Amino acid sequence: MNAKTDELRNAHDALAEWYVGATAGALEAMPIERAVLDLFCELTVAADLGGVVGDVGSGTGRLAPYLAARGVSPHGIDLSPGMVQVARRDYPGFAFDVADLRDLPFEDASLAGAVCWYSLIFLAPADRPIAFSELARVVKPGGYLVAGARAGNGELRRGGGAAVGLGVEYDGYWMSAQEMQDRVTDSGFATVFQGSRPVEEQEATTHHYLLAQRT
């Protein structure tokens, strides 16, 4: 791992327990995000490709029970061992492993789908082709990819836990909706749905969502 990857991993190790509280009940309060995930699950189940989906950047594991309740079998991976430890503790019925989005631990065409829920926002420009190629490699033809992200211009933004007293920082990159679509298309997916929601109180930017099928 390079220094930036180490920084990102170590920061999220430090943030893992904080995220448990910060995201508690968040999905239940977000009907638009639930609707996008529901569509992904419905299409993935209907495709009948085995049902196992990669939750890529699974963090504290909070999506696992939601996805499972809608008929798919999530397998979470995250760069941060601290996040994986929390996920295994809080959701012991699900699989979680430490891994890098740029080197996914899945066989070629082994997944019915992949969920990248706010995990693509850490990809530096040079890493984006590698990461999207990996997603295309592991998803079966006919399978689905769903992503949620903050909208931006793709340039470097420093983020971290200073605001919550944890004193950690890391690099983040908010891609534009157009770049996200272009990356997905170039790597071998066809867009099924894309959309966004307006900025809400105390948010810095809009959020966009993309659902695509592996061609």
Protein backbone atom coordinates (compact mmCIF):
# COMPACT_ATOMS: atom_id res chain seq x y z
CA MET A 1 0.00 0.00 0.00
CA ASN A 2 1.16 3.54 -0.69
CA ALA A 3 1.06 6.38 1.83
CA LYS A 4 -2.32 7.69 0.67
CA THR A 5 -3.90 4.25 0.93
CA ASP A 6 -2.42 3.81 4.40
CA GLU A 7 -3.81 7.20 5.41
CA LEU A 8 -7.29 6.35 4.15
CA ARG A 9 -7.28 2.94 5.83
CA ASN A 10 -5.97 4.25 9.16
CA ALA A 11 -8.44 7.14 9.18
CA HIS A 12 -11.39 4.81 8.69
CA ASP A 13 -10.07 2.49 11.37
CA ALA A 14 -10.27 5.47 13.72
CA LEU A 15 -13.72 6.48 12.43
CA ALA A 16 -15.33 3.02 12.56
CA GLU A 17 -17.05 3.29 15.92
CA TRP A 18 -18.10 6.87 15.22
CA TYR A 19 -19.74 5.76 11.98
CA VAL A 20 -21.87 3.23 13.85
CA GLY A 21 -23.63 6.04 15.69
CA ALA A 22 -23.54 8.54 12.85
CA THR A 23 -25.28 6.22 10.38
CA ALA A 24 -27.75 4.63 12.78
CA GLY A 25 -31.21 4.92 11.22
CA ALA A 26 -29.87 6.88 8.25
CA LEU A 27 -31.17 4.57 5.56
CA GLU A 28 -34.61 4.46 7.15
CA ALA A 29 -34.76 8.24 6.82
CA MET A 30 -33.77 8.24 3.12
CA PRO A 31 -36.60 6.99 0.90
CA ILE A 32 -34.81 7.91 -2.32
CA GLU A 33 -31.75 5.86 -1.42
CA ARG A 34 -33.95 2.95 -0.38
CA ALA A 35 -35.80 3.14 -3.69
CA VAL A 36 -32.55 2.96 -5.69
CA LEU A 37 -31.30 0.00 -3.65
CA ASP A 38 -34.70 -1.68 -3.96
CA LEU A 39 -34.57 -1.36 -7.75
CA PHE A 40 -31.09 -2.86 -7.80
CA CYS A 41 -32.21 -5.80 -5.66
CA GLU A 42 -35.37 -6.41 -7.68
CA LEU A 43 -33.47 -6.46 -10.99
CA THR A 44 -30.67 -8.60 -9.55
CA VAL A 45 -33.09 -11.19 -8.18
CA ALA A 46 -34.99 -11.26 -11.49
CA ALA A 47 -31.75 -11.83 -13.42
CA ASP A 48 -31.33 -15.12 -11.50
CA LEU A 49 -27.53 -15.11 -11.58
CA GLY A 50 -26.92 -16.66 -8.19
CA GLY A 51 -27.75 -13.80 -5.87
CA VAL A 52 -24.31 -13.06 -4.34
CA VAL A 53 -23.49 -9.35 -4.58
CA GLY A 54 -20.35 -7.56 -3.53
CA ASP A 55 -20.92 -4.75 -1.05
CA VAL A 56 -17.80 -2.89 -2.10
CA GLY A 57 -16.73 -0.46 0.58
CA SER A 58 -19.14 -1.98 3.08
CA GLY A 59 -17.92 0.09 6.02
CA THR A 60 -19.75 -0.84 9.21
CA GLY A 61 -21.90 -3.35 7.31
CA ARG A 62 -25.11 -1.39 7.71
CA LEU A 63 -26.46 -2.26 4.23
CA ALA A 64 -26.11 -6.02 4.65
CA PRO A 65 -29.42 -6.77 6.42
CA TYR A 66 -31.32 -4.39 4.15
CA LEU A 67 -29.97 -6.04 1.00
CA ALA A 68 -30.51 -9.55 2.36
CA ALA A 69 -34.13 -8.76 3.23
CA ARG A 70 -34.66 -7.98 -0.46
CA GLY A 71 -33.42 -11.31 -1.74
CA VAL A 72 -29.71 -10.90 -2.47
CA SER A 73 -26.71 -12.29 -0.56
CA PRO A 74 -24.24 -9.51 0.25
CA HIS A 75 -20.53 -10.14 0.73
CA GLY A 76 -18.90 -7.04 2.16
CA ILE A 77 -15.35 -5.87 1.56
CA ASP A 78 -13.66 -2.79 2.95
CA LEU A 79 -10.15 -1.35 2.97
CA SER A 80 -10.33 -0.68 6.71
CA PRO A 81 -9.75 -3.59 9.12
CA GLY A 82 -11.44 -1.49 11.80
CA MET A 83 -14.59 -1.18 9.71
CA VAL A 84 -14.57 -4.91 8.96
CA GLN A 85 -14.14 -5.72 12.64
CA VAL A 86 -17.17 -3.60 13.52
CA ALA A 87 -19.22 -5.11 10.68
CA ARG A 88 -18.42 -8.67 11.78
CA ARG A 89 -19.33 -7.80 15.35
CA ASP A 90 -22.62 -6.09 14.58
CA TYR A 91 -23.75 -8.32 11.70
CA PRO A 92 -22.30 -11.78 12.44
CA GLY A 93 -24.55 -13.53 9.95
CA PHE A 94 -22.82 -11.92 6.96
CA ALA A 95 -19.42 -12.20 5.28
CA PHE A 96 -17.01 -9.28 5.51
CA ASP A 97 -13.37 -9.20 4.40
CA VAL A 98 -10.56 -6.67 4.19
CA ALA A 99 -9.83 -5.86 0.55
CA ASP A 100 -9.14 -3.03 -1.88
CA LEU A 101 -11.57 -1.83 -4.55
CA ARG A 102 -8.67 -1.78 -6.99
CA ASP A 103 -7.98 -5.48 -6.40
CA LEU A 104 -11.25 -7.21 -5.59
CA PRO A 105 -11.07 -10.67 -3.97
CA PHE A 106 -13.69 -12.21 -6.25
CA GLU A 107 -13.28 -14.53 -9.24
CA ASP A 108 -14.03 -13.33 -12.75
CA ALA A 109 -17.79 -13.09 -13.45
CA SER A 110 -18.60 -14.50 -10.02
CA LEU A 111 -21.08 -11.91 -8.71
CA ALA A 112 -24.70 -11.23 -9.59
CA GLY A 113 -24.06 -7.59 -8.81
CA ALA A 114 -22.04 -5.00 -6.91
CA VAL A 115 -23.04 -2.19 -4.58
CA CYS A 116 -20.72 0.82 -4.31
CA TRP A 117 -22.54 2.95 -1.78
CA TYR A 118 -20.42 6.07 -1.31
CA SER A 119 -17.23 4.05 -1.75
CA LEU A 120 -16.18 5.45 -5.14
CA ILE A 121 -15.65 8.90 -3.60
CA PHE A 122 -12.10 7.96 -2.54
CA LEU A 123 -10.78 7.14 -6.01
CA ALA A 124 -7.96 9.35 -7.26
CA PRO A 125 -8.06 9.99 -11.02
CA ALA A 126 -5.33 7.43 -11.75
CA ASP A 127 -7.20 4.75 -9.79
CA ARG A 128 -10.58 5.15 -11.46
CA PRO A 129 -9.95 3.07 -14.61
CA ILE A 130 -8.50 0.27 -12.47
CA ALA A 131 -11.43 0.26 -10.03
CA PHE A 132 -14.16 0.32 -12.67
CA SER A 133 -12.35 -2.40 -14.62
CA GLU A 134 -12.32 -4.54 -11.48
CA LEU A 135 -16.06 -4.06 -11.00
CA ALA A 136 -16.66 -5.11 -14.59
CA ARG A 137 -14.39 -8.12 -14.15
CA VAL A 138 -16.26 -9.59 -11.17
CA VAL A 139 -19.88 -8.94 -12.22
CA LYS A 140 -21.47 -11.56 -14.45
CA PRO A 141 -22.87 -10.52 -17.83
CA GLY A 142 -26.43 -9.46 -17.14
CA GLY A 143 -25.60 -8.55 -13.54
CA TYR A 144 -25.99 -5.11 -12.04
CA LEU A 145 -23.92 -2.35 -10.48
CA VAL A 146 -25.43 0.33 -8.27
CA ALA A 147 -23.58 3.36 -6.93
CA GLY A 148 -24.39 6.30 -4.73
CA ALA A 149 -22.02 9.26 -4.53
CA ARG A 150 -21.67 12.93 -3.79
CA ALA A 151 -21.58 15.09 -6.89
CA GLY A 152 -18.55 17.21 -7.62
CA ASN A 153 -15.94 17.92 -10.26
CA GLY A 154 -13.67 14.95 -9.53
CA GLU A 155 -10.92 17.03 -7.97
CA LEU A 156 -9.16 16.43 -4.66
CA ARG A 157 -10.99 17.26 -1.44
CA ARG A 158 -9.49 16.70 1.98
CA GLY A 159 -11.92 15.18 4.45
CA GLY A 160 -11.70 13.59 7.84
CA GLY A 161 -12.80 13.35 11.42
CA ALA A 162 -11.52 16.66 12.76
CA ALA A 163 -15.08 17.93 13.15
CA VAL A 164 -15.89 15.04 15.51
CA GLY A 165 -12.68 15.34 17.48
CA LEU A 166 -10.81 12.40 15.95
CA GLY A 167 -8.12 14.43 14.17
CA VAL A 168 -7.80 12.27 11.06
CA GLU A 169 -7.73 13.34 7.42
CA TYR A 170 -7.81 11.61 4.04
CA ASP A 171 -8.25 12.34 0.35
CA GLY A 172 -11.67 12.29 -1.27
CA TYR A 173 -12.90 12.93 -4.80
CA TRP A 174 -16.51 13.66 -5.74
CA MET A 175 -16.96 12.73 -9.39
CA SER A 176 -19.56 14.40 -11.56
CA ALA A 177 -22.58 12.36 -12.61
CA GLN A 178 -21.33 12.50 -16.19
CA GLU A 179 -17.91 11.15 -15.32
CA MET A 180 -19.49 8.37 -13.27
CA GLN A 181 -21.66 7.37 -16.22
CA ASP A 182 -18.73 7.57 -18.64
CA ARG A 183 -16.55 5.39 -16.38
CA VAL A 184 -19.28 2.79 -16.04
CA THR A 185 -20.01 2.73 -19.77
CA ASP A 186 -16.34 2.56 -20.75
CA SER A 187 -15.78 -0.42 -18.44
CA GLY A 188 -18.56 -2.54 -19.93
CA PHE A 189 -21.87 -1.57 -18.33
CA ALA A 190 -25.00 -0.03 -19.84
CA THR A 191 -26.85 2.58 -17.81
CA VAL A 192 -30.30 1.52 -16.62
CA PHE A 193 -31.10 4.45 -14.34
CA GLN A 194 -29.45 7.61 -13.12
CA GLY A 195 -30.80 10.35 -10.92
CA SER A 196 -30.01 12.81 -8.17
CA ARG A 197 -31.60 14.44 -5.20
CA PRO A 198 -31.42 18.12 -4.20
CA VAL A 199 -29.12 19.44 -1.53
CA GLU A 200 -30.62 19.10 1.91
CA GLU A 201 -29.95 21.17 5.00
CA GLN A 202 -26.29 21.18 6.06
CA GLU A 203 -25.18 19.32 2.92
CA ALA A 204 -22.46 20.70 0.68
CA THR A 205 -23.57 19.12 -2.59
CA THR A 206 -26.17 17.01 -4.34
CA HIS A 207 -26.07 13.22 -4.31
CA HIS A 208 -26.31 11.17 -7.47
CA TYR A 209 -27.21 7.54 -8.11
CA LEU A 210 -26.40 5.21 -10.98
CA LEU A 211 -27.70 1.74 -11.80
CA ALA A 212 -26.11 -0.16 -14.70
CA GLN A 213 -26.14 -3.64 -16.20
CA ARG A 214 -23.04 -5.60 -17.22
CA THR A 215 -23.08 -6.09 -20.99
